[in-house]
């Protein structure tokens, strides 16, 4: 099971298949199993956004547990993983800046089981695009974000 991230935009993002080592994030049309997630978005265009691992696991994220998102900074965390998460956030910000939208909707969930694709989001947040680049930022599983793109 993996963390997955979906983006709602006014126009379809250019689709890209995942390629190991590519500097571009994969963007895919929704598969039949993803169709339920579309109900959370206000716009017609919803796409799956992958990270450097193909799935969304290389985006910084926290799991929804017991009605909250517990997160404890691990002093022994893998420095390579931290760098990889930051790189994926930079690539995501770059991708979202290119949409031409003044805001974009993002929804993160756990793929498979009771991951939240068909149930209501547990959190709604409005954030600036730059917040994704902040060191402590983590996508919340079952968190729905309205991301304000300041360059618009």
C-alpha atoms as a PDB file:
ATOM      1  CA  UNK A   1       0.000   0.000   0.000  1.00  0.00           C
ATOM      2  CA  UNK A   2       1.199   3.473  -0.844  1.00  0.00           C
ATOM      3  CA  UNK A   3       0.417   7.125  -0.280  1.00  0.00           C
ATOM      4  CA  UNK A   4      -1.241   8.595  -3.374  1.00  0.00           C
ATOM      5  CA  UNK A   5      -1.757  12.221  -4.369  1.00  0.00           C
ATOM      6  CA  UNK A   6      -4.403  13.648  -6.690  1.00  0.00           C
ATOM      7  CA  UNK A   7      -4.602  17.131  -8.219  1.00  0.00           C
ATOM      8  CA  UNK A   8      -7.674  18.995  -9.390  1.00  0.00           C
ATOM      9  CA  UNK A   9      -6.995  21.674 -11.996  1.00  0.00           C
ATOM     10  CA  UNK A  10      -9.013  23.682 -14.517  1.00  0.00           C
ATOM     11  CA  UNK A  11      -7.129  22.152 -17.460  1.00  0.00           C
ATOM     12  CA  UNK A  12      -5.655  18.697 -17.791  1.00  0.00           C
ATOM     13  CA  UNK A  13      -1.979  18.493 -16.873  1.00  0.00           C
ATOM     14  CA  UNK A  14       0.354  16.965 -19.451  1.00  0.00           C
ATOM     15  CA  UNK A  15       0.321  13.221 -18.856  1.00  0.00           C
ATOM     16  CA  UNK A  16       3.639  11.464 -18.195  1.00  0.00           C
ATOM     17  CA  UNK A  17       4.366   7.865 -17.367  1.00  0.00           C
ATOM     18  CA  UNK A  18       6.764   7.170 -14.517  1.00  0.00           C
ATOM     19  CA  UNK A  19      10.378   6.685 -15.561  1.00  0.00           C
ATOM     20  CA  UNK A  20      13.100   5.849 -13.054  1.00  0.00           C
ATOM     21  CA  UNK A  21      15.467   8.809 -12.701  1.00  0.00           C
ATOM     22  CA  UNK A  22      13.279  11.249 -14.611  1.00  0.00           C
ATOM     23  CA  UNK A  23      13.333  14.854 -13.367  1.00  0.00           C
ATOM     24  CA  UNK A  24       9.596  15.086 -14.145  1.00  0.00           C
ATOM     25  CA  UNK A  25       6.854  13.794 -11.865  1.00  0.00           C
ATOM     26  CA  UNK A  26       4.517  11.225 -13.366  1.00  0.00           C
ATOM     27  CA  UNK A  27       1.006  12.500 -14.084  1.00  0.00           C
ATOM     28  CA  UNK A  28      -1.677   9.989 -15.002  1.00  0.00           C
ATOM     29  CA  UNK A  29      -5.355  10.056 -15.846  1.00  0.00           C
ATOM     30  CA  UNK A  30      -7.538   8.450 -13.203  1.00  0.00           C
ATOM     31  CA  UNK A  31      -7.797   4.695 -13.449  1.00  0.00           C
ATOM     32  CA  UNK A  32     -11.140   3.013 -12.821  1.00  0.00           C
ATOM     33  CA  UNK A  33     -10.084   2.216  -9.242  1.00  0.00           C
ATOM     34  CA  UNK A  34      -9.374   5.935  -8.641  1.00  0.00           C
ATOM     35  CA  UNK A  35     -12.708   7.193  -9.984  1.00  0.00           C
ATOM     36  CA  UNK A  36     -14.293   7.588  -6.537  1.00  0.00           C
ATOM     37  CA  UNK A  37     -11.771  10.262  -5.543  1.00  0.00           C
ATOM     38  CA  UNK A  38     -13.149  12.628  -8.202  1.00  0.00           C
ATOM     39  CA  UNK A  39     -16.181  13.415  -6.013  1.00  0.00           C
ATOM     40  CA  UNK A  40     -13.951  15.387  -3.620  1.00  0.00           C
ATOM     41  CA  UNK A  41     -12.900  17.919  -6.274  1.00  0.00           C
ATOM     42  CA  UNK A  42     -14.762  20.955  -7.585  1.00  0.00           C
ATOM     43  CA  UNK A  43     -13.284  20.905 -11.098  1.00  0.00           C
ATOM     44  CA  UNK A  44     -13.622  18.474 -13.949  1.00  0.00           C
ATOM     45  CA  UNK A  45      -9.908  17.685 -14.326  1.00  0.00           C
ATOM     46  CA  UNK A  46      -8.453  15.366 -11.701  1.00  0.00           C
ATOM     47  CA  UNK A  47      -5.175  13.542 -12.194  1.00  0.00           C
ATOM     48  CA  UNK A  48      -2.955  11.213 -10.226  1.00  0.00           C
ATOM     49  CA  UNK A  49       0.438  12.762  -9.340  1.00  0.00           C
ATOM     50  CA  UNK A  50       3.253  10.376  -8.601  1.00  0.00           C
ATOM     51  CA  UNK A  51       6.638  11.023  -7.026  1.00  0.00           C
ATOM     52  CA  UNK A  52      10.104   9.805  -7.948  1.00  0.00           C
ATOM     53  CA  UNK A  53       9.088   6.354  -6.677  1.00  0.00           C
ATOM     54  CA  UNK A  54       6.124   6.188  -9.082  1.00  0.00           C
ATOM     55  CA  UNK A  55       3.581   6.228  -6.263  1.00  0.00           C
ATOM     56  CA  UNK A  56       3.311   9.128  -3.807  1.00  0.00           C
ATOM     57  CA  UNK A  57       5.468   7.570  -1.096  1.00  0.00           C
ATOM     58  CA  UNK A  58       8.359   9.954  -1.778  1.00  0.00           C
ATOM     59  CA  UNK A  59       6.181  12.950  -0.890  1.00  0.00           C
ATOM     60  CA  UNK A  60       6.400  13.790   2.826  1.00  0.00           C
ATOM     61  CA  UNK A  61       3.197  12.522   4.430  1.00  0.00           C
ATOM     62  CA  UNK A  62       1.604  11.404   7.672  1.00  0.00           C
ATOM     63  CA  UNK A  63      -1.006   8.700   8.175  1.00  0.00           C
ATOM     64  CA  UNK A  64      -4.452   9.287   9.656  1.00  0.00           C
ATOM     65  CA  UNK A  65      -4.609   7.322  12.925  1.00  0.00           C
ATOM     66  CA  UNK A  66      -7.119   7.513  15.755  1.00  0.00           C
ATOM     67  CA  UNK A  67      -8.727  10.684  14.394  1.00  0.00           C
ATOM     68  CA  UNK A  68      -5.441  12.594  14.036  1.00  0.00           C
ATOM     69  CA  UNK A  69      -2.111  12.683  12.167  1.00  0.00           C
ATOM     70  CA  UNK A  70       0.546  11.820  14.750  1.00  0.00           C
ATOM     71  CA  UNK A  71       4.032  12.696  13.636  1.00  0.00           C
ATOM     72  CA  UNK A  72       7.193  12.350  15.594  1.00  0.00           C
ATOM     73  CA  UNK A  73      10.435  13.684  14.153  1.00  0.00           C
ATOM     74  CA  UNK A  74      12.762  10.715  13.980  1.00  0.00           C
ATOM     75  CA  UNK A  75      16.306  11.764  14.913  1.00  0.00           C
ATOM     76  CA  UNK A  76      17.544   8.705  13.018  1.00  0.00           C
ATOM     77  CA  UNK A  77      15.594   9.493   9.852  1.00  0.00           C
ATOM     78  CA  UNK A  78      17.351   8.647   6.638  1.00  0.00           C
ATOM     79  CA  UNK A  79      18.981  11.860   5.316  1.00  0.00           C
ATOM     80  CA  UNK A  80      18.681  10.558   1.749  1.00  0.00           C
ATOM     81  CA  UNK A  81      14.919  10.153   2.174  1.00  0.00           C
ATOM     82  CA  UNK A  82      14.634  13.701   3.537  1.00  0.00           C
ATOM     83  CA  UNK A  83      16.490  15.027   0.474  1.00  0.00           C
ATOM     84  CA  UNK A  84      14.293  12.922  -1.826  1.00  0.00           C
ATOM     85  CA  UNK A  85      11.087  14.226  -0.208  1.00  0.00           C
ATOM     86  CA  UNK A  86      12.284  17.844  -0.597  1.00  0.00           C
ATOM     87  CA  UNK A  87      13.165  17.211  -4.253  1.00  0.00           C
ATOM     88  CA  UNK A  88       9.709  15.782  -4.900  1.00  0.00           C
ATOM     89  CA  UNK A  89       8.101  18.796  -3.220  1.00  0.00           C
ATOM     90  CA  UNK A  90      10.140  21.136  -5.425  1.00  0.00           C
ATOM     91  CA  UNK A  91       9.051  19.225  -8.518  1.00  0.00           C
ATOM     92  CA  UNK A  92       5.424  19.319  -7.380  1.00  0.00           C
ATOM     93  CA  UNK A  93       5.549  23.076  -6.791  1.00  0.00           C
ATOM     94  CA  UNK A  94       7.062  23.556 -10.244  1.00  0.00           C
ATOM     95  CA  UNK A  95       4.342  21.412 -11.823  1.00  0.00           C
ATOM     96  CA  UNK A  96       1.554  23.295 -10.038  1.00  0.00           C
ATOM     97  CA  UNK A  97       3.026  26.694 -10.970  1.00  0.00           C
ATOM     98  CA  UNK A  98       2.765  25.708 -14.642  1.00  0.00           C
ATOM     99  CA  UNK A  99      -0.997  25.058 -14.440  1.00  0.00           C
ATOM    100  CA  UNK A 100      -1.889  28.719 -14.943  1.00  0.00           C
ATOM    101  CA  UNK A 101      -4.521  28.313 -12.202  1.00  0.00           C
ATOM    102  CA  UNK A 102      -4.811  30.699  -9.271  1.00  0.00           C
ATOM    103  CA  UNK A 103      -5.478  27.693  -7.047  1.00  0.00           C
ATOM    104  CA  UNK A 104      -5.190  23.924  -7.319  1.00  0.00           C
ATOM    105  CA  UNK A 105      -6.846  21.242  -5.215  1.00  0.00           C
ATOM    106  CA  UNK A 106      -4.811  18.348  -3.802  1.00  0.00           C
ATOM    107  CA  UNK A 107      -6.011  15.258  -1.976  1.00  0.00           C
ATOM    108  CA  UNK A 108      -3.749  12.665  -0.373  1.00  0.00           C
ATOM    109  CA  UNK A 109      -4.909   9.186   0.591  1.00  0.00           C
ATOM    110  CA  UNK A 110      -3.659   5.716   1.340  1.00  0.00           C
ATOM    111  CA  UNK A 111      -4.015   3.410  -1.646  1.00  0.00           C
ATOM    112  CA  UNK A 112      -6.013   0.310  -0.898  1.00  0.00           C
ATOM    113  CA  UNK A 113      -8.111  -0.762   2.051  1.00  0.00           C
ATOM    114  CA  UNK A 114      -9.786   2.068   3.939  1.00  0.00           C
ATOM    115  CA  UNK A 115      -7.538   4.744   2.497  1.00  0.00           C
ATOM    116  CA  UNK A 116     -10.128   7.428   1.969  1.00  0.00           C
ATOM    117  CA  UNK A 117     -10.739   7.524  -1.780  1.00  0.00           C
ATOM    118  CA  UNK A 118     -14.470   7.068  -1.299  1.00  0.00           C
ATOM    119  CA  UNK A 119     -14.985   8.653   2.135  1.00  0.00           C
ATOM    120  CA  UNK A 120     -15.065  12.362   2.961  1.00  0.00           C
ATOM    121  CA  UNK A 121     -11.738  14.093   3.636  1.00  0.00           C
ATOM    122  CA  UNK A 122     -10.818  14.313   7.313  1.00  0.00           C
ATOM    123  CA  UNK A 123      -9.233  17.766   6.935  1.00  0.00           C
ATOM    124  CA  UNK A 124      -9.663  20.761   4.637  1.00  0.00           C
ATOM    125  CA  UNK A 125      -6.824  23.260   4.512  1.00  0.00           C
ATOM    126  CA  UNK A 126      -6.003  26.280   2.401  1.00  0.00           C
ATOM    127  CA  UNK A 127      -2.267  26.739   2.005  1.00  0.00           C
ATOM    128  CA  UNK A 128       0.121  28.858  -0.035  1.00  0.00           C
ATOM    129  CA  UNK A 129       2.032  26.968  -2.699  1.00  0.00           C
ATOM    130  CA  UNK A 130       5.286  27.808  -0.919  1.00  0.00           C
ATOM    131  CA  UNK A 131       4.104  25.948   2.208  1.00  0.00           C
ATOM    132  CA  UNK A 132       4.791  22.669   0.396  1.00  0.00           C
ATOM    133  CA  UNK A 133       8.493  23.603   0.443  1.00  0.00           C
ATOM    134  CA  UNK A 134       8.660  24.263   4.194  1.00  0.00           C
ATOM    135  CA  UNK A 135      10.846  21.720   6.048  1.00  0.00           C
ATOM    136  CA  UNK A 136       8.113  20.484   8.419  1.00  0.00           C
ATOM    137  CA  UNK A 137       5.403  20.165   5.765  1.00  0.00           C
ATOM    138  CA  UNK A 138       3.695  16.774   5.503  1.00  0.00           C
ATOM    139  CA  UNK A 139       0.670  15.864   3.387  1.00  0.00           C
ATOM    140  CA  UNK A 140      -2.047  14.496   5.622  1.00  0.00           C
ATOM    141  CA  UNK A 141      -3.579  11.209   4.575  1.00  0.00           C
ATOM    142  CA  UNK A 142      -7.254  12.027   3.829  1.00  0.00           C
ATOM    143  CA  UNK A 143      -6.319  15.717   3.802  1.00  0.00           C
ATOM    144  CA  UNK A 144      -7.804  17.981   1.140  1.00  0.00           C
ATOM    145  CA  UNK A 145      -5.820  21.090   0.241  1.00  0.00           C
ATOM    146  CA  UNK A 146      -6.708  24.210  -1.667  1.00  0.00           C
ATOM    147  CA  UNK A 147      -3.316  25.448  -2.765  1.00  0.00           C
ATOM    148  CA  UNK A 148      -3.094  29.172  -3.550  1.00  0.00           C
ATOM    149  CA  UNK A 149      -0.638  29.921  -6.312  1.00  0.00           C
ATOM    150  CA  UNK A 150       0.673  33.402  -5.559  1.00  0.00           C
ATOM    151  CA  UNK A 151       2.122  34.147  -8.979  1.00  0.00           C
ATOM    152  CA  UNK A 152      -1.391  34.510 -10.381  1.00  0.00           C
END
